[in-house]
Protein backbone atom coordinates (compact mmCIF):
# COMPACT_ATOMS: atom_id res chain seq x y z
CA UNK A 1 -0.06 -0.07 0.07
CA UNK A 2 1.05 3.52 -0.59
CA UNK A 3 1.78 4.56 3.12
CA UNK A 4 3.95 7.27 1.79
CA UNK A 5 1.65 8.86 -0.84
CA UNK A 6 -0.88 10.01 1.57
CA UNK A 7 -4.20 8.98 3.14
CA UNK A 8 -7.74 10.06 3.45
CA UNK A 9 -7.98 13.03 5.63
CA UNK A 10 -10.68 13.80 8.04
CA UNK A 11 -12.08 17.58 7.39
CA UNK A 12 -14.74 17.53 9.86
CA UNK A 13 -16.19 15.07 12.40
CA UNK A 14 -14.40 11.83 12.96
CA UNK A 15 -14.15 9.79 9.82
CA UNK A 16 -14.64 6.88 8.00
CA UNK A 17 -14.17 4.15 5.55
CA UNK A 18 -15.21 0.48 4.90
CA UNK A 19 -16.48 -2.80 5.39
CA UNK A 20 -17.83 -4.55 2.33
CA UNK A 21 -20.55 -6.31 0.39
CA UNK A 22 -20.97 -7.23 -3.24
CA UNK A 23 -23.72 -5.84 -5.46
CA UNK A 24 -25.28 -7.99 -8.09
CA UNK A 25 -26.11 -4.92 -10.02
CA UNK A 26 -25.99 -1.15 -9.91
CA UNK A 27 -28.92 -0.78 -7.49
CA UNK A 28 -28.90 -3.83 -5.38
CA UNK A 29 -26.64 -4.91 -2.44
CA UNK A 30 -26.28 -8.47 -1.33
CA UNK A 31 -26.82 -7.20 2.26
CA UNK A 32 -25.34 -9.44 4.98
CA UNK A 33 -22.25 -7.01 5.65
CA UNK A 34 -24.34 -3.85 5.17
CA UNK A 35 -26.82 -2.25 7.66
CA UNK A 36 -30.12 -0.66 6.60
CA UNK A 37 -29.62 2.60 8.22
CA UNK A 38 -26.09 3.02 8.19
CA UNK A 39 -23.98 5.39 5.91
CA UNK A 40 -22.75 3.49 2.82
CA UNK A 41 -20.62 4.20 -0.44
CA UNK A 42 -21.04 2.03 -3.46
CA UNK A 43 -18.70 1.68 -6.36
CA UNK A 44 -20.20 0.63 -9.57
CA UNK A 45 -18.41 -0.37 -12.80
CA UNK A 46 -19.95 0.20 -16.05
CA UNK A 47 -16.80 -0.74 -18.00
CA UNK A 48 -16.18 -3.89 -20.22
CA UNK A 49 -13.00 -4.89 -17.88
CA UNK A 50 -12.58 -5.32 -14.17
CA UNK A 51 -11.83 -2.24 -12.22
CA UNK A 52 -9.59 -1.97 -9.41
CA UNK A 53 -9.95 0.73 -7.01
CA UNK A 54 -7.69 1.30 -4.10
CA UNK A 55 -8.51 3.66 -1.18
CA UNK A 56 -6.49 4.37 2.04
CA UNK A 57 -7.93 6.32 5.09
CA UNK A 58 -6.53 7.62 8.21
CA UNK A 59 -9.74 7.67 10.46
CA UNK A 60 -10.80 7.90 13.90
CA UNK A 61 -13.23 5.32 15.35
CA UNK A 62 -16.32 6.25 17.41
CA UNK A 63 -14.68 5.36 20.58
CA UNK A 64 -11.79 7.83 19.74
CA UNK A 65 -9.33 5.22 18.53
CA UNK A 66 -7.23 6.47 15.63
CA UNK A 67 -6.40 3.89 12.78
CA UNK A 68 -5.60 3.57 9.19
CA UNK A 69 -7.84 1.47 6.66
CA UNK A 70 -6.67 0.13 3.47
CA UNK A 71 -9.13 -1.13 0.97
CA UNK A 72 -8.51 -3.01 -2.24
CA UNK A 73 -11.66 -3.23 -4.34
CA UNK A 74 -11.97 -5.57 -7.72
CA UNK A 75 -15.09 -5.02 -9.48
CA UNK A 76 -16.55 -7.10 -12.34
CA UNK A 77 -18.04 -5.31 -15.29
CA UNK A 78 -21.76 -4.23 -14.48
CA UNK A 79 -21.23 -5.03 -10.46
CA UNK A 80 -20.69 -3.20 -7.61
CA UNK A 81 -19.08 -3.32 -4.08
CA UNK A 82 -20.64 -1.50 -1.00
CA UNK A 83 -18.68 0.02 1.67
CA UNK A 84 -20.48 0.40 5.10
CA UNK A 85 -18.84 3.49 6.48
CA UNK A 86 -20.82 3.35 9.75
CA UNK A 87 -19.93 -0.25 10.37
CA UNK A 88 -16.21 0.25 10.13
CA UNK A 89 -16.33 3.52 12.21
CA UNK A 90 -18.14 1.78 15.27
CA UNK A 91 -21.64 3.58 14.54
CA UNK A 92 -23.29 0.20 13.72
CA UNK A 93 -26.83 0.67 12.11
CA UNK A 94 -26.57 4.66 12.67
CA UNK A 95 -25.81 7.03 10.10
CA UNK A 96 -22.66 8.79 10.37
CA UNK A 97 -22.99 12.51 12.15
CA UNK A 98 -24.29 15.36 9.92
CA UNK A 99 -21.23 17.12 8.65
CA UNK A 100 -18.79 14.31 8.58
CA UNK A 101 -16.40 15.16 5.53
CA UNK A 102 -13.47 13.15 4.07
CA UNK A 103 -11.14 13.80 1.44
CA UNK A 104 -10.31 10.61 -0.39
CA UNK A 105 -7.15 9.61 -2.20
CA UNK A 106 -7.59 6.68 -4.52
CA UNK A 107 -5.67 4.79 -7.21
CA UNK A 108 -7.44 2.85 -9.95
CA UNK A 109 -6.45 0.38 -12.67
CA UNK A 110 -7.98 -2.00 -15.38
CA UNK A 111 -7.93 -5.93 -15.34
CA UNK A 112 -9.22 -8.73 -17.32
CA UNK A 113 -8.63 -12.64 -17.10
CA UNK A 114 -7.63 -12.68 -21.10
CA UNK A 115 -9.69 -10.27 -23.10
CA UNK A 116 -7.70 -7.16 -23.85
CA UNK A 117 -4.97 -7.84 -21.61
CA UNK A 118 -1.78 -5.98 -22.98
CA UNK A 119 -4.11 -3.48 -24.67
CA UNK A 120 -5.76 -0.31 -23.63
CA UNK A 121 -9.32 0.41 -22.20
CA UNK A 122 -11.56 3.00 -20.49
CA UNK A 123 -11.96 3.30 -16.82
CA UNK A 124 -15.89 3.78 -16.24
CA UNK A 125 -17.02 3.85 -12.66
CA UNK A 126 -19.47 5.62 -10.46
CA UNK A 127 -19.64 6.29 -6.72
CA UNK A 128 -22.92 6.52 -4.78
CA UNK A 129 -23.45 7.30 -0.97
CA UNK A 130 -26.52 7.21 1.02
CA UNK A 131 -27.77 6.72 4.39
CA UNK A 132 -30.89 5.26 6.21
CA UNK A 133 -32.19 2.78 3.74
CA UNK A 134 -30.60 -0.50 2.70
CA UNK A 135 -30.74 0.33 -1.16
CA UNK A 136 -30.18 3.89 -2.59
CA UNK A 137 -32.93 5.99 -3.81
CA UNK A 138 -33.44 8.24 -6.66
CA UNK A 139 -32.48 11.39 -4.47
CA UNK A 140 -29.12 9.73 -3.91
CA UNK A 141 -26.79 11.16 -6.37
CA UNK A 142 -24.20 9.41 -8.45
CA UNK A 143 -20.75 10.52 -9.12
CA UNK A 144 -19.13 9.30 -12.25
CA UNK A 145 -15.40 8.88 -12.81
CA UNK A 146 -14.03 8.14 -16.32
CA UNK A 147 -10.70 7.94 -17.91
CA UNK A 148 -8.91 6.85 -21.12
CA UNK A 149 -6.69 5.34 -22.41
CA UNK A 150 -5.81 2.99 -19.50
CA UNK A 151 -3.67 -0.04 -19.76
CA UNK A 152 -5.27 -3.42 -19.19
CA UNK A 153 -3.33 -5.85 -17.12
CA UNK A 154 -3.78 -9.58 -16.30
CA UNK A 155 -6.47 -10.10 -13.33
CA UNK A 156 -4.94 -11.88 -10.33
CA UNK A 157 -5.77 -15.62 -10.69
CA UNK A 158 -7.28 -15.58 -7.10
CA UNK A 159 -9.98 -13.16 -8.10
CA UNK A 160 -13.11 -14.53 -9.57
CA UNK A 161 -15.74 -12.34 -8.17
CA UNK A 162 -16.28 -8.65 -7.05
CA UNK A 163 -14.45 -8.27 -3.68
CA UNK A 164 -13.16 -5.76 -1.34
CA UNK A 165 -9.99 -6.52 0.85
CA UNK A 166 -9.86 -4.40 3.99
CA UNK A 167 -7.07 -4.24 6.38
CA UNK A 168 -7.02 -2.16 9.57
CA UNK A 169 -3.69 -3.58 11.27
CA UNK A 170 -0.39 -4.21 10.04
CA UNK A 171 -0.94 -8.03 10.48
CA UNK A 172 -4.22 -7.75 8.07
CA UNK A 173 -2.29 -5.38 5.66
CA UNK A 174 0.61 -8.22 5.36
CA UNK A 175 -2.12 -10.66 4.26
CA UNK A 176 -3.49 -8.30 1.27
CA UNK A 177 -0.31 -6.69 0.19
CA UNK A 178 -0.09 -9.08 -2.62
CA UNK A 179 -3.03 -7.26 -4.17
CA UNK A 180 -1.40 -3.79 -4.02
CA UNK A 181 -0.47 -3.60 -7.54
CA UNK A 182 0.92 -0.21 -7.56
CA UNK A 183 2.53 -0.14 -10.85
CA UNK A 184 -0.79 -1.61 -12.47
CA UNK A 185 -3.10 1.27 -10.84
CA UNK A 186 -1.94 4.36 -12.88
CA UNK A 187 -4.89 6.58 -12.51
CA UNK A 188 -4.75 8.94 -9.48
CA UNK A 189 -7.86 10.92 -8.21
CA UNK A 190 -9.23 12.65 -5.26
CA UNK A 191 -12.75 13.00 -3.70
CA UNK A 192 -14.64 14.74 -0.97
CA UNK A 193 -17.31 12.75 0.81
CA UNK A 194 -19.75 14.68 2.82
CA UNK A 195 -22.49 13.57 4.83
CA UNK A 196 -25.37 16.06 4.93
CA UNK A 197 -27.93 16.73 7.65
CA UNK A 198 -30.67 14.32 6.08
CA UNK A 199 -28.27 11.49 5.71
CA UNK A 200 -27.72 11.99 1.97
CA UNK A 201 -24.03 11.85 0.92
CA UNK A 202 -22.42 14.20 -1.59
CA UNK A 203 -19.29 13.14 -3.36
CA UNK A 204 -17.18 15.68 -5.05
CA UNK A 205 -14.42 15.23 -7.56
CA UNK A 206 -11.60 17.61 -6.22
CA UNK A 207 -8.67 16.31 -8.37
CA UNK A 208 -9.76 14.73 -11.62
CA UNK A 209 -8.43 11.34 -12.98
CA UNK A 210 -4.80 11.69 -14.05
CA UNK A 211 -2.00 9.50 -14.80
CA UNK A 212 -0.21 8.43 -11.59
CA UNK A 213 2.53 10.59 -10.32
CA UNK A 214 4.62 10.76 -7.06
CA UNK A 215 2.07 12.58 -4.82
CA UNK A 216 3.17 13.66 -1.33
CA UNK A 217 0.57 13.48 1.47
CA UNK A 218 -1.87 16.59 1.45
CA UNK A 219 -2.97 16.04 5.18
């Protein structure tokens, strides 16, 4: 993981990220790891290759404990993963407090089993956040992220379904470090995630997708 390239920063109330549940389509979550009323963020892949989205977060748990969270997401074409922000932050089935704001730094790449490997493709994903319902509603806005051309790499043989690998300790990080394909995630981007008073979530692109470069922490 890119420990030296910067982490998610907490800009307001204590903050945030991850626990996972796959989604079968762009609107439905397979639910066992996601609470109905919690604050969640889904990543949807609209491209025709697998998308990898890496997120790194410096967070504070509800109990006041500071921790770093690492997430590696592999998402099949036309599928999602869903991150339960409240669950990981110790809020359980409660929405995150209004005013919670997070700056996200993330790295992205394209993968496939065989088709197109060695060629180029287009990154085409969306972020969507919401609270208070198991599934997002029409009022829950989506934030698209697209970029091309992007090289397509060989999908790790262990990956056969949409999945998020989460680490919050050095021991857990050691177990998933093999999926940290730094040289294969050439797209860098930043987003701001804000939890509004009504539980809706606003996701704003602050640094548009760009080819990766050495980026020092902005925290």
